[in-house]
PDB file of N, CA and C in Angstrom:
ATOM      1  N   MET A   1      47.779 -10.320  92.873  1.00  0.00           N
ATOM      2  CA  MET A   1      48.096  -9.918  91.417  1.00  0.00           C
ATOM      3  C   MET A   1      49.140 -11.182  90.730  1.00  0.00           C
ATOM      4  N   PHE A   2      48.668 -11.394  89.509  1.00  0.00           N
ATOM      5  CA  PHE A   2      49.714 -12.489  89.049  1.00  0.00           C
ATOM      6  C   PHE A   2      50.927 -11.867  88.349  1.00  0.00           C
ATOM      7  N   PRO A   3      52.024 -12.461  88.464  1.00  0.00           N
ATOM      8  CA  PRO A   3      53.367 -12.097  87.868  1.00  0.00           C
ATOM      9  C   PRO A   3      53.066 -12.067  86.364  1.00  0.00           C
ATOM     10  N   LEU A   4      53.710 -10.946  85.804  1.00  0.00           N
ATOM     11  CA  LEU A   4      53.520 -10.865  84.412  1.00  0.00           C
ATOM     12  C   LEU A   4      54.791 -11.575  83.742  1.00  0.00           C
ATOM     13  N   SER A   5      54.376 -12.331  82.654  1.00  0.00           N
ATOM     14  CA  SER A   5      55.388 -12.976  81.821  1.00  0.00           C
ATOM     15  C   SER A   5      54.851 -13.065  80.377  1.00  0.00           C
ATOM     16  N   VAL A   6      55.720 -13.271  79.382  1.00  0.00           N
ATOM     17  CA  VAL A   6      55.305 -13.409  78.147  1.00  0.00           C
ATOM     18  C   VAL A   6      55.438 -14.675  77.513  1.00  0.00           C
ATOM     19  N   THR A   7      54.468 -15.250  76.912  1.00  0.00           N
ATOM     20  CA  THR A   7      54.184 -16.723  76.545  1.00  0.00           C
ATOM     21  C   THR A   7      54.411 -16.499  74.804  1.00  0.00           C
ATOM     22  N   THR A   8      55.043 -17.219  74.369  1.00  0.00           N
ATOM     23  CA  THR A   8      55.419 -17.445  72.785  1.00  0.00           C
ATOM     24  C   THR A   8      54.912 -18.686  72.419  1.00  0.00           C
ATOM     25  N   GLY A   9      54.561 -18.872  70.969  1.00  0.00           N
ATOM     26  CA  GLY A   9      54.362 -20.007  70.541  1.00  0.00           C
ATOM     27  C   GLY A   9      54.730 -19.990  68.939  1.00  0.00           C
ATOM     28  N   ARG A  10      54.607 -21.084  68.307  1.00  0.00           N
ATOM     29  CA  ARG A  10      54.952 -21.283  67.090  1.00  0.00           C
ATOM     30  C   ARG A  10      54.166 -22.501  66.453  1.00  0.00           C
ATOM     31  N   LEU A  11      53.701 -22.267  65.046  1.00  0.00           N
ATOM     32  CA  LEU A  11      52.722 -23.416  64.545  1.00  0.00           C
ATOM     33  C   LEU A  11      53.578 -24.757  64.659  1.00  0.00           C
ATOM     34  N   PRO A  12      53.307 -25.744  65.269  1.00  0.00           N
ATOM     35  CA  PRO A  12      54.006 -26.959  65.264  1.00  0.00           C
ATOM     36  C   PRO A  12      54.325 -27.612  63.918  1.00  0.00           C
ATOM     37  N   THR A  13      55.638 -28.135  63.729  1.00  0.00           N
ATOM     38  CA  THR A  13      55.916 -28.756  62.709  1.00  0.00           C
ATOM     39  C   THR A  13      55.552 -30.295  62.410  1.00  0.00           C
ATOM     40  N   GLY A  14      55.434 -30.752  63.645  1.00  0.00           N
ATOM     41  CA  GLY A  14      55.043 -32.277  63.608  1.00  0.00           C
ATOM     42  C   GLY A  14      53.517 -32.388  64.037  1.00  0.00           C
ATOM     43  N   GLU A  15      53.087 -33.668  64.412  1.00  0.00           N
ATOM     44  CA  GLU A  15      51.702 -33.896  64.556  1.00  0.00           C
ATOM     45  C   GLU A  15      51.388 -33.430  65.926  1.00  0.00           C
ATOM     46  N   MET A  16      50.257 -32.658  66.007  1.00  0.00           N
ATOM     47  CA  MET A  16      49.757 -32.151  67.273  1.00  0.00           C
ATOM     48  C   MET A  16      49.102 -33.396  68.175  1.00  0.00           C
ATOM     49  N   PRO A  17      48.969 -32.972  69.527  1.00  0.00           N
ATOM     50  CA  PRO A  17      48.146 -34.105  70.386  1.00  0.00           C
ATOM     51  C   PRO A  17      46.633 -34.109  69.659  1.00  0.00           C
ATOM     52  N   GLU A  18      46.052 -35.401  70.014  1.00  0.00           N
ATOM     53  CA  GLU A  18      44.682 -35.213  69.632  1.00  0.00           C
ATOM     54  C   GLU A  18      43.691 -34.409  70.469  1.00  0.00           C
ATOM     55  N   MET A  19      42.864 -33.570  69.850  1.00  0.00           N
ATOM     56  CA  MET A  19      41.820 -32.828  70.448  1.00  0.00           C
ATOM     57  C   MET A  19      40.603 -33.071  69.631  1.00  0.00           C
ATOM     58  N   PRO A  20      39.941 -34.245  69.903  1.00  0.00           N
ATOM     59  CA  PRO A  20      39.013 -34.787  69.143  1.00  0.00           C
ATOM     60  C   PRO A  20      37.501 -34.217  69.134  1.00  0.00           C
ATOM     61  N   VAL A  21      36.965 -34.235  67.966  1.00  0.00           N
ATOM     62  CA  VAL A  21      35.482 -33.858  67.915  1.00  0.00           C
ATOM     63  C   VAL A  21      34.742 -35.122  68.639  1.00  0.00           C
ATOM     64  N   GLU A  22      33.675 -34.596  69.423  1.00  0.00           N
ATOM     65  CA  GLU A  22      33.117 -35.307  70.165  1.00  0.00           C
ATOM     66  C   GLU A  22      32.373 -36.404  69.290  1.00  0.00           C
ATOM     67  N   PRO A  23      32.288 -37.648  69.576  1.00  0.00           N
ATOM     68  CA  PRO A  23      31.546 -38.704  68.471  1.00  0.00           C
ATOM     69  C   PRO A  23      30.005 -38.214  68.292  1.00  0.00           C
ATOM     70  N   HIS A  24      29.282 -37.931  69.116  1.00  0.00           N
ATOM     71  CA  HIS A  24      27.976 -37.578  68.998  1.00  0.00           C
ATOM     72  C   HIS A  24      27.776 -36.142  68.205  1.00  0.00           C
ATOM     73  N   GLU A  25      28.687 -35.500  67.876  1.00  0.00           N
ATOM     74  CA  GLU A  25      28.505 -34.252  67.065  1.00  0.00           C
ATOM     75  C   GLU A  25      28.951 -34.540  65.685  1.00  0.00           C
ATOM     76  N   ILE A  26      29.476 -35.730  65.484  1.00  0.00           N
ATOM     77  CA  ILE A  26      29.876 -36.043  63.977  1.00  0.00           C
ATOM     78  C   ILE A  26      28.637 -36.272  63.248  1.00  0.00           C
ATOM     79  N   LEU A  27      28.597 -35.623  62.062  1.00  0.00           N
ATOM     80  CA  LEU A  27      27.318 -36.015  61.020  1.00  0.00           C
ATOM     81  C   LEU A  27      27.962 -36.741  59.886  1.00  0.00           C
ATOM     82  N   GLU A  28      29.110 -36.567  59.492  1.00  0.00           N
ATOM     83  CA  GLU A  28      29.771 -37.170  58.336  1.00  0.00           C
ATOM     84  C   GLU A  28      31.247 -37.280  58.303  1.00  0.00           C
ATOM     85  N   GLY A  29      31.691 -38.447  57.777  1.00  0.00           N
ATOM     86  CA  GLY A  29      32.998 -38.421  57.706  1.00  0.00           C
ATOM     87  C   GLY A  29      33.724 -38.861  59.049  1.00  0.00           C
ATOM     88  N   GLU A  30      35.070 -38.929  59.015  1.00  0.00           N
ATOM     89  CA  GLU A  30      35.808 -39.014  60.285  1.00  0.00           C
ATOM     90  C   GLU A  30      36.719 -38.204  60.543  1.00  0.00           C
ATOM     91  N   PRO A  31      36.078 -37.045  61.064  1.00  0.00           N
ATOM     92  CA  PRO A  31      37.045 -35.571  61.443  1.00  0.00           C
ATOM     93  C   PRO A  31      37.903 -35.777  62.338  1.00  0.00           C
ATOM     94  N   ASN A  32      39.282 -36.003  61.941  1.00  0.00           N
ATOM     95  CA  ASN A  32      40.454 -36.342  62.967  1.00  0.00           C
ATOM     96  C   ASN A  32      40.987 -35.195  63.327  1.00  0.00           C
ATOM     97  N   ALA A  33      40.721 -34.644  64.579  1.00  0.00           N
ATOM     98  CA  ALA A  33      41.227 -33.372  65.013  1.00  0.00           C
ATOM     99  C   ALA A  33      42.313 -33.435  65.942  1.00  0.00           C
ATOM    100  N   ARG A  34      43.141 -32.378  65.798  1.00  0.00           N
ATOM    101  CA  ARG A  34      44.322 -32.351  66.665  1.00  0.00           C
ATOM    102  C   ARG A  34      44.503 -30.795  67.130  1.00  0.00           C
ATOM    103  N   GLY A  35      45.163 -30.569  68.122  1.00  0.00           N
ATOM    104  CA  GLY A  35      45.452 -29.274  68.715  1.00  0.00           C
ATOM    105  C   GLY A  35      46.486 -29.179  69.753  1.00  0.00           C
ATOM    106  N   LEU A  36      46.995 -27.860  69.831  1.00  0.00           N
ATOM    107  CA  LEU A  36      48.012 -27.524  70.795  1.00  0.00           C
ATOM    108  C   LEU A  36      47.630 -26.144  71.457  1.00  0.00           C
ATOM    109  N   ILE A  37      47.683 -26.187  72.962  1.00  0.00           N
ATOM    110  CA  ILE A  37      47.283 -24.989  73.520  1.00  0.00           C
ATOM    111  C   ILE A  37      48.654 -24.248  73.750  1.00  0.00           C
ATOM    112  N   VAL A  38      48.819 -23.106  73.224  1.00  0.00           N
ATOM    113  CA  VAL A  38      50.096 -22.384  73.393  1.00  0.00           C
ATOM    114  C   VAL A  38      50.313 -21.362  74.452  1.00  0.00           C
ATOM    115  N   GLY A  39      49.225 -20.926  74.848  1.00  0.00           N
ATOM    116  CA  GLY A  39      49.292 -20.134  76.092  1.00  0.00           C
ATOM    117  C   GLY A  39      47.993 -19.852  76.665  1.00  0.00           C
ATOM    118  N   ARG A  40      47.731 -19.819  77.927  1.00  0.00           N
ATOM    119  CA  ARG A  40      46.456 -19.503  78.574  1.00  0.00           C
ATOM    120  C   ARG A  40      46.684 -18.540  79.747  1.00  0.00           C
ATOM    121  N   SER A  41      45.592 -17.787  80.203  1.00  0.00           N
ATOM    122  CA  SER A  41      45.569 -16.956  81.209  1.00  0.00           C
ATOM    123  C   SER A  41      45.681 -17.677  82.530  1.00  0.00           C
ATOM    124  N   ALA A  42      46.189 -17.005  83.521  1.00  0.00           N
ATOM    125  CA  ALA A  42      46.583 -17.612  84.945  1.00  0.00           C
ATOM    126  C   ALA A  42      45.060 -18.035  85.393  1.00  0.00           C
ATOM    127  N   ASP A  43      44.109 -17.444  85.260  1.00  0.00           N
ATOM    128  CA  ASP A  43      42.805 -18.122  85.719  1.00  0.00           C
ATOM    129  C   ASP A  43      41.865 -18.874  84.730  1.00  0.00           C
ATOM    130  N   LYS A  44      42.698 -19.138  83.746  1.00  0.00           N
ATOM    131  CA  LYS A  44      42.279 -20.231  82.821  1.00  0.00           C
ATOM    132  C   LYS A  44      40.976 -20.006  82.163  1.00  0.00           C
ATOM    133  N   THR A  45      40.599 -18.559  82.022  1.00  0.00           N
ATOM    134  CA  THR A  45      39.455 -18.251  81.252  1.00  0.00           C
ATOM    135  C   THR A  45      39.692 -17.762  79.875  1.00  0.00           C
ATOM    136  N   ALA A  46      40.962 -17.741  79.579  1.00  0.00           N
ATOM    137  CA  ALA A  46      41.455 -17.351  78.183  1.00  0.00           C
ATOM    138  C   ALA A  46      42.495 -18.227  77.622  1.00  0.00           C
ATOM    139  N   ALA A  47      42.444 -18.974  76.540  1.00  0.00           N
ATOM    140  CA  ALA A  47      43.475 -19.711  75.888  1.00  0.00           C
ATOM    141  C   ALA A  47      43.594 -19.386  74.526  1.00  0.00           C
ATOM    142  N   ALA A  48      44.914 -19.740  73.994  1.00  0.00           N
ATOM    143  CA  ALA A  48      45.249 -19.450  72.644  1.00  0.00           C
ATOM    144  C   ALA A  48      46.022 -20.912  72.032  1.00  0.00           C
ATOM    145  N   GLY A  49      45.626 -21.267  70.814  1.00  0.00           N
ATOM    146  CA  GLY A  49      46.514 -22.239  70.327  1.00  0.00           C
ATOM    147  C   GLY A  49      46.157 -22.505  68.828  1.00  0.00           C
ATOM    148  N   PHE A  50      46.522 -23.604  68.366  1.00  0.00           N
ATOM    149  CA  PHE A  50      46.391 -24.145  66.872  1.00  0.00           C
ATOM    150  C   PHE A  50      45.654 -25.248  67.089  1.00  0.00           C
ATOM    151  N   TRP A  51      44.828 -25.574  66.060  1.00  0.00           N
ATOM    152  CA  TRP A  51      43.792 -26.542  65.917  1.00  0.00           C
ATOM    153  C   TRP A  51      43.842 -27.033  64.431  1.00  0.00           C
ATOM    154  N   SER A  52      43.726 -28.254  64.196  1.00  0.00           N
ATOM    155  CA  SER A  52      43.729 -28.719  62.595  1.00  0.00           C
ATOM    156  C   SER A  52      42.548 -29.843  62.767  1.00  0.00           C
ATOM    157  N   CYS A  53      41.947 -29.985  61.535  1.00  0.00           N
ATOM    158  CA  CYS A  53      41.055 -31.138  61.332  1.00  0.00           C
ATOM    159  C   CYS A  53      40.849 -31.529  59.899  1.00  0.00           C
ATOM    160  N   ASN A  54      40.932 -32.856  59.486  1.00  0.00           N
ATOM    161  CA  ASN A  54      40.631 -33.164  58.271  1.00  0.00           C
ATOM    162  C   ASN A  54      39.200 -33.213  57.813  1.00  0.00           C
ATOM    163  N   PRO A  55      38.884 -33.257  56.660  1.00  0.00           N
ATOM    164  CA  PRO A  55      37.525 -33.141  56.151  1.00  0.00           C
ATOM    165  C   PRO A  55      36.491 -33.886  56.732  1.00  0.00           C
ATOM    166  N   GLY A  56      35.274 -33.446  56.989  1.00  0.00           N
ATOM    167  CA  GLY A  56      34.179 -34.121  57.542  1.00  0.00           C
ATOM    168  C   GLY A  56      33.102 -33.072  57.893  1.00  0.00           C
ATOM    169  N   ARG A  57      31.958 -33.356  58.559  1.00  0.00           N
ATOM    170  CA  ARG A  57      30.966 -32.640  59.031  1.00  0.00           C
ATOM    171  C   ARG A  57      30.418 -32.752  60.422  1.00  0.00           C
ATOM    172  N   TYR A  58      30.444 -31.803  61.525  1.00  0.00           N
ATOM    173  CA  TYR A  58      29.903 -31.939  62.540  1.00  0.00           C
ATOM    174  C   TYR A  58      29.385 -30.724  63.157  1.00  0.00           C
ATOM    175  N   GLU A  59      28.583 -30.990  64.291  1.00  0.00           N
ATOM    176  CA  GLU A  59      27.851 -29.865  64.988  1.00  0.00           C
ATOM    177  C   GLU A  59      28.876 -29.553  66.087  1.00  0.00           C
ATOM    178  N   PHE A  60      28.907 -28.044  66.515  1.00  0.00           N
ATOM    179  CA  PHE A  60      29.675 -27.778  67.567  1.00  0.00           C
ATOM    180  C   PHE A  60      28.722 -26.627  68.209  1.00  0.00           C
ATOM    181  N   LEU A  61      28.649 -26.550  69.471  1.00  0.00           N
ATOM    182  CA  LEU A  61      28.163 -25.535  70.435  1.00  0.00           C
ATOM    183  C   LEU A  61      29.245 -24.834  71.145  1.00  0.00           C
ATOM    184  N   PHE A  62      29.366 -23.590  70.783  1.00  0.00           N
ATOM    185  CA  PHE A  62      30.458 -22.808  71.499  1.00  0.00           C
ATOM    186  C   PHE A  62      30.224 -22.470  72.827  1.00  0.00           C
ATOM    187  N   ASP A  63      30.827 -23.110  74.000  1.00  0.00           N
ATOM    188  CA  ASP A  63      30.549 -22.642  75.145  1.00  0.00           C
ATOM    189  C   ASP A  63      31.684 -21.550  75.762  1.00  0.00           C
ATOM    190  N   TYR A  64      32.097 -20.923  74.698  1.00  0.00           N
ATOM    191  CA  TYR A  64      33.087 -19.871  75.133  1.00  0.00           C
ATOM    192  C   TYR A  64      33.186 -18.973  73.764  1.00  0.00           C
ATOM    193  N   ASP A  65      33.697 -17.702  74.058  1.00  0.00           N
ATOM    194  CA  ASP A  65      33.848 -16.971  72.705  1.00  0.00           C
ATOM    195  C   ASP A  65      34.977 -17.498  71.954  1.00  0.00           C
ATOM    196  N   GLU A  66      35.114 -17.598  70.667  1.00  0.00           N
ATOM    197  CA  GLU A  66      36.357 -17.877  70.008  1.00  0.00           C
ATOM    198  C   GLU A  66      36.291 -16.927  68.927  1.00  0.00           C
ATOM    199  N   PHE A  67      37.841 -16.457  68.744  1.00  0.00           N
ATOM    200  CA  PHE A  67      38.432 -15.542  67.652  1.00  0.00           C
ATOM    201  C   PHE A  67      39.424 -16.308  66.816  1.00  0.00           C
ATOM    202  N   LEU A  68      39.209 -16.733  65.621  1.00  0.00           N
ATOM    203  CA  LEU A  68      40.166 -17.486  64.761  1.00  0.00           C
ATOM    204  C   LEU A  68      40.741 -16.965  63.644  1.00  0.00           C
ATOM    205  N   TYR A  69      41.747 -17.284  63.142  1.00  0.00           N
ATOM    206  CA  TYR A  69      42.555 -16.837  61.958  1.00  0.00           C
ATOM    207  C   TYR A  69      42.803 -18.201  61.184  1.00  0.00           C
ATOM    208  N   LEU A  70      42.295 -18.523  60.038  1.00  0.00           N
ATOM    209  CA  LEU A  70      42.491 -19.552  59.387  1.00  0.00           C
ATOM    210  C   LEU A  70      43.589 -19.655  58.589  1.00  0.00           C
ATOM    211  N   LEU A  71      44.632 -20.650  58.987  1.00  0.00           N
ATOM    212  CA  LEU A  71      46.034 -20.516  58.367  1.00  0.00           C
ATOM    213  C   LEU A  71      45.988 -21.199  57.085  1.00  0.00           C
ATOM    214  N   GLU A  72      45.189 -22.168  56.846  1.00  0.00           N
ATOM    215  CA  GLU A  72      44.969 -22.973  55.666  1.00  0.00           C
ATOM    216  C   GLU A  72      43.664 -23.873  55.726  1.00  0.00           C
ATOM    217  N   GLY A  73      43.057 -24.146  54.576  1.00  0.00           N
ATOM    218  CA  GLY A  73      42.041 -25.085  54.414  1.00  0.00           C
ATOM    219  C   GLY A  73      40.663 -24.324  53.993  1.00  0.00           C
ATOM    220  N   GLU A  74      39.692 -24.895  54.104  1.00  0.00           N
ATOM    221  CA  GLU A  74      38.498 -24.491  53.725  1.00  0.00           C
ATOM    222  C   GLU A  74      37.162 -25.166  54.427  1.00  0.00           C
ATOM    223  N   VAL A  75      36.381 -24.297  54.865  1.00  0.00           N
ATOM    224  CA  VAL A  75      35.290 -24.548  55.682  1.00  0.00           C
ATOM    225  C   VAL A  75      33.968 -23.945  55.431  1.00  0.00           C
ATOM    226  N   THR A  76      32.920 -24.587  55.464  1.00  0.00           N
ATOM    227  CA  THR A  76      31.711 -23.750  55.353  1.00  0.00           C
ATOM    228  C   THR A  76      30.910 -23.913  56.835  1.00  0.00           C
ATOM    229  N   VAL A  77      30.725 -22.918  57.586  1.00  0.00           N
ATOM    230  CA  VAL A  77      30.174 -22.883  58.844  1.00  0.00           C
ATOM    231  C   VAL A  77      28.777 -22.476  58.793  1.00  0.00           C
ATOM    232  N   THR A  78      27.834 -23.224  59.218  1.00  0.00           N
ATOM    233  CA  THR A  78      26.533 -22.680  59.390  1.00  0.00           C
ATOM    234  C   THR A  78      25.625 -22.454  60.657  1.00  0.00           C
ATOM    235  N   GLU A  79      25.318 -21.444  60.795  1.00  0.00           N
ATOM    236  CA  GLU A  79      24.679 -21.054  62.296  1.00  0.00           C
ATOM    237  C   GLU A  79      23.383 -21.912  62.360  1.00  0.00           C
ATOM    238  N   SER A  80      23.040 -22.506  63.414  1.00  0.00           N
ATOM    239  CA  SER A  80      21.607 -23.374  63.660  1.00  0.00           C
ATOM    240  C   SER A  80      20.683 -22.197  64.045  1.00  0.00           C
ATOM    241  N   GLY A  81      19.553 -22.513  63.829  1.00  0.00           N
ATOM    242  CA  GLY A  81      18.318 -21.606  64.240  1.00  0.00           C
ATOM    243  C   GLY A  81      17.884 -21.169  63.188  1.00  0.00           C
ATOM    244  N   PRO A  82      16.894 -19.965  63.317  1.00  0.00           N
ATOM    245  CA  PRO A  82      16.152 -19.378  62.322  1.00  0.00           C
ATOM    246  C   PRO A  82      17.103 -18.562  61.298  1.00  0.00           C
ATOM    247  N   ARG A  83      18.018 -17.959  61.839  1.00  0.00           N
ATOM    248  CA  ARG A  83      18.928 -17.251  60.919  1.00  0.00           C
ATOM    249  C   ARG A  83      19.600 -18.102  59.714  1.00  0.00           C
ATOM    250  N   GLY A  84      20.208 -19.180  60.269  1.00  0.00           N
ATOM    251  CA  GLY A  84      20.762 -20.231  59.471  1.00  0.00           C
ATOM    252  C   GLY A  84      21.860 -19.524  58.408  1.00  0.00           C
ATOM    253  N   ARG A  85      22.531 -18.728  58.845  1.00  0.00           N
ATOM    254  CA  ARG A  85      23.539 -17.946  57.900  1.00  0.00           C
ATOM    255  C   ARG A  85      24.734 -18.959  57.796  1.00  0.00           C
ATOM    256  N   SER A  86      25.065 -19.041  56.538  1.00  0.00           N
ATOM    257  CA  SER A  86      26.417 -19.861  56.237  1.00  0.00           C
ATOM    258  C   SER A  86      27.309 -19.052  55.670  1.00  0.00           C
ATOM    259  N   MET A  87      28.676 -19.211  56.198  1.00  0.00           N
ATOM    260  CA  MET A  87      29.947 -18.527  55.534  1.00  0.00           C
ATOM    261  C   MET A  87      30.898 -19.574  55.286  1.00  0.00           C
ATOM    262  N   THR A  88      31.686 -19.315  54.190  1.00  0.00           N
ATOM    263  CA  THR A  88      32.780 -20.263  53.702  1.00  0.00           C
ATOM    264  C   THR A  88      34.120 -19.296  54.030  1.00  0.00           C
ATOM    265  N   LEU A  89      35.029 -20.066  54.866  1.00  0.00           N
ATOM    266  CA  LEU A  89      36.160 -19.331  55.424  1.00  0.00           C
ATOM    267  C   LEU A  89      37.451 -20.330  54.608  1.00  0.00           C
ATOM    268  N   LYS A  90      38.364 -19.487  54.053  1.00  0.00           N
ATOM    269  CA  LYS A  90      39.446 -20.053  53.323  1.00  0.00           C
ATOM    270  C   LYS A  90      40.751 -19.547  54.199  1.00  0.00           C
ATOM    271  N   ASP A  91      41.885 -19.779  53.522  1.00  0.00           N
ATOM    272  CA  ASP A  91      43.259 -19.441  53.906  1.00  0.00           C
ATOM    273  C   ASP A  91      43.030 -17.948  54.236  1.00  0.00           C
ATOM    274  N   GLY A  92      43.756 -17.410  55.277  1.00  0.00           N
ATOM    275  CA  GLY A  92      43.840 -15.984  55.548  1.00  0.00           C
ATOM    276  C   GLY A  92      42.465 -15.370  56.135  1.00  0.00           C
ATOM    277  N   ASP A  93      41.359 -16.157  56.305  1.00  0.00           N
ATOM    278  CA  ASP A  93      40.194 -15.466  56.678  1.00  0.00           C
ATOM    279  C   ASP A  93      40.117 -15.372  58.314  1.00  0.00           C
ATOM    280  N   THR A  94      39.281 -14.612  58.829  1.00  0.00           N
ATOM    281  CA  THR A  94      39.215 -14.495  60.272  1.00  0.00           C
ATOM    282  C   THR A  94      37.638 -14.532  60.630  1.00  0.00           C
ATOM    283  N   ALA A  95      37.362 -15.126  61.706  1.00  0.00           N
ATOM    284  CA  ALA A  95      35.908 -15.025  62.292  1.00  0.00           C
ATOM    285  C   ALA A  95      35.847 -15.011  63.851  1.00  0.00           C
ATOM    286  N   CYS A  96      34.769 -14.556  64.200  1.00  0.00           N
ATOM    287  CA  CYS A  96      34.560 -14.595  65.585  1.00  0.00           C
ATOM    288  C   CYS A  96      33.316 -15.146  65.962  1.00  0.00           C
ATOM    289  N   PHE A  97      33.189 -16.127  66.835  1.00  0.00           N
ATOM    290  CA  PHE A  97      31.979 -17.065  67.263  1.00  0.00           C
ATOM    291  C   PHE A  97      31.749 -16.746  68.506  1.00  0.00           C
ATOM    292  N   PRO A  98      30.584 -16.130  68.828  1.00  0.00           N
ATOM    293  CA  PRO A  98      29.990 -15.855  70.231  1.00  0.00           C
ATOM    294  C   PRO A  98      29.689 -16.920  71.286  1.00  0.00           C
ATOM    295  N   MET A  99      29.994 -16.904  72.409  1.00  0.00           N
ATOM    296  CA  MET A  99      29.576 -18.020  73.251  1.00  0.00           C
ATOM    297  C   MET A  99      28.093 -18.208  73.140  1.00  0.00           C
ATOM    298  N   GLY A 100      27.686 -19.489  73.087  1.00  0.00           N
ATOM    299  CA  GLY A 100      26.311 -19.962  73.095  1.00  0.00           C
ATOM    300  C   GLY A 100      25.981 -20.248  71.691  1.00  0.00           C
ATOM    301  N   ILE A 101      26.523 -19.856  70.532  1.00  0.00           N
ATOM    302  CA  ILE A 101      26.063 -20.197  69.187  1.00  0.00           C
ATOM    303  C   ILE A 101      26.295 -21.524  68.818  1.00  0.00           C
ATOM    304  N   LYS A 102      25.218 -22.213  68.277  1.00  0.00           N
ATOM    305  CA  LYS A 102      25.377 -23.722  67.802  1.00  0.00           C
ATOM    306  C   LYS A 102      25.809 -23.492  66.229  1.00  0.00           C
ATOM    307  N   THR A 103      26.554 -24.496  65.875  1.00  0.00           N
ATOM    308  CA  THR A 103      27.049 -24.148  64.538  1.00  0.00           C
ATOM    309  C   THR A 103      27.352 -25.634  63.952  1.00  0.00           C
ATOM    310  N   THR A 104      27.274 -25.643  62.690  1.00  0.00           N
ATOM    311  CA  THR A 104      27.685 -27.006  61.676  1.00  0.00           C
ATOM    312  C   THR A 104      28.879 -26.760  61.023  1.00  0.00           C
ATOM    313  N   TRP A 105      29.910 -27.349  61.199  1.00  0.00           N
ATOM    314  CA  TRP A 105      31.012 -27.093  60.407  1.00  0.00           C
ATOM    315  C   TRP A 105      31.328 -28.254  59.191  1.00  0.00           C
ATOM    316  N   HIS A 106      31.314 -27.849  58.047  1.00  0.00           N
ATOM    317  CA  HIS A 106      31.597 -28.697  56.986  1.00  0.00           C
ATOM    318  C   HIS A 106      32.856 -28.405  56.359  1.00  0.00           C
ATOM    319  N   ILE A 107      34.168 -29.160  56.731  1.00  0.00           N
ATOM    320  CA  ILE A 107      35.301 -29.114  56.351  1.00  0.00           C
ATOM    321  C   ILE A 107      35.492 -29.790  55.019  1.00  0.00           C
ATOM    322  N   HIS A 108      35.781 -28.814  53.980  1.00  0.00           N
ATOM    323  CA  HIS A 108      36.174 -29.349  52.489  1.00  0.00           C
ATOM    324  C   HIS A 108      37.365 -29.734  52.388  1.00  0.00           C
ATOM    325  N   ARG A 109      38.234 -29.101  52.935  1.00  0.00           N
ATOM    326  CA  ARG A 109      39.910 -29.131  52.926  1.00  0.00           C
ATOM    327  C   ARG A 109      40.590 -29.192  54.244  1.00  0.00           C
ATOM    328  N   LYS A 110      41.326 -29.955  54.442  1.00  0.00           N
ATOM    329  CA  LYS A 110      42.162 -29.871  55.935  1.00  0.00           C
ATOM    330  C   LYS A 110      42.284 -28.591  56.203  1.00  0.00           C
ATOM    331  N   LEU A 111      41.978 -28.259  57.429  1.00  0.00           N
ATOM    332  CA  LEU A 111      42.103 -27.030  57.999  1.00  0.00           C
ATOM    333  C   LEU A 111      43.086 -26.824  59.143  1.00  0.00           C
ATOM    334  N   THR A 112      43.694 -25.734  59.142  1.00  0.00           N
ATOM    335  CA  THR A 112      44.611 -25.511  60.613  1.00  0.00           C
ATOM    336  C   THR A 112      44.265 -24.026  60.735  1.00  0.00           C
ATOM    337  N   LYS A 113      43.969 -23.747  62.119  1.00  0.00           N
ATOM    338  CA  LYS A 113      43.745 -22.361  62.511  1.00  0.00           C
ATOM    339  C   LYS A 113      44.284 -22.221  63.783  1.00  0.00           C
ATOM    340  N   TYR A 114      44.537 -20.789  64.011  1.00  0.00           N
ATOM    341  CA  TYR A 114      45.138 -20.167  65.395  1.00  0.00           C
ATOM    342  C   TYR A 114      43.783 -19.697  65.867  1.00  0.00           C
ATOM    343  N   PHE A 115      43.672 -19.867  67.192  1.00  0.00           N
ATOM    344  CA  PHE A 115      42.498 -19.374  67.979  1.00  0.00           C
ATOM    345  C   PHE A 115      42.559 -18.799  69.329  1.00  0.00           C
ATOM    346  N   VAL A 116      42.072 -17.996  69.701  1.00  0.00           N
ATOM    347  CA  VAL A 116      41.798 -17.468  70.900  1.00  0.00           C
ATOM    348  C   VAL A 116      40.567 -17.611  71.519  1.00  0.00           C
ATOM    349  N   ALA A 117      40.468 -18.496  72.767  1.00  0.00           N
ATOM    350  CA  ALA A 117      39.015 -18.563  73.139  1.00  0.00           C
ATOM    351  C   ALA A 117      38.896 -18.185  74.524  1.00  0.00           C
ATOM    352  N   ARG A 118      37.762 -17.410  74.936  1.00  0.00           N
ATOM    353  CA  ARG A 118      37.744 -16.789  76.002  1.00  0.00           C
ATOM    354  C   ARG A 118      36.304 -17.240  76.701  1.00  0.00           C
ATOM    355  N   SER A 119      36.176 -17.386  78.008  1.00  0.00           N
ATOM    356  CA  SER A 119      35.087 -17.831  78.721  1.00  0.00           C
ATOM    357  C   SER A 119      34.899 -17.126  79.950  1.00  0.00           C
ATOM    358  N   LEU A 120      33.630 -17.193  80.563  1.00  0.00           N
ATOM    359  CA  LEU A 120      33.359 -16.656  81.899  1.00  0.00           C
ATOM    360  C   LEU A 120      34.001 -17.492  83.046  1.00  0.00           C
ATOM    361  N   SER A 121      34.248 -18.542  82.916  1.00  0.00           N
ATOM    362  CA  SER A 121      34.890 -19.637  83.780  1.00  0.00           C
ATOM    363  C   SER A 121      35.844 -20.293  83.355  1.00  0.00           C
ATOM    364  N   PRO A 122      36.666 -21.002  84.180  1.00  0.00           N
ATOM    365  CA  PRO A 122      37.963 -21.689  83.722  1.00  0.00           C
ATOM    366  C   PRO A 122      37.606 -22.655  82.879  1.00  0.00           C
ATOM    367  N   MET A 123      38.515 -22.859  81.751  1.00  0.00           N
ATOM    368  CA  MET A 123      38.284 -23.945  80.730  1.00  0.00           C
ATOM    369  C   MET A 123      39.364 -24.968  80.710  1.00  0.00           C
ATOM    370  N   GLU A 124      38.949 -26.137  80.378  1.00  0.00           N
ATOM    371  CA  GLU A 124      39.844 -27.009  80.119  1.00  0.00           C
ATOM    372  C   GLU A 124      39.930 -27.659  78.798  1.00  0.00           C
ATOM    373  N   LEU A 125      40.795 -26.982  77.962  1.00  0.00           N
ATOM    374  CA  LEU A 125      40.942 -27.284  76.615  1.00  0.00           C
ATOM    375  C   LEU A 125      42.087 -28.367  76.358  1.00  0.00           C
TER     376      LEU A 125
END
């Protein structure tokens, strides 16, 4: 059994470390992404943190479940495949992305999100 302890975090006031969008995923613009992990489970299958990115458009395949709260910004996320559903998220919105979903992110206004990610195997975020 793992020892129990509480981890706390706060939205960084300075620039976060780079957490880049992979070059082969970028469709338009130069999305400069930064992020900070503020907590993770002992087995590394769950993590929480902050992530920000400037405007651009890119594809992303979720290899983990992600729950997010959009602190600021505006993004239209489109599901790939036959459903092709689009949703626009703005300040204060939440969303859940299931593991395995392929999406296209079109960031209209620099966004900052708080996220919780969960995977079946250890993650290196």
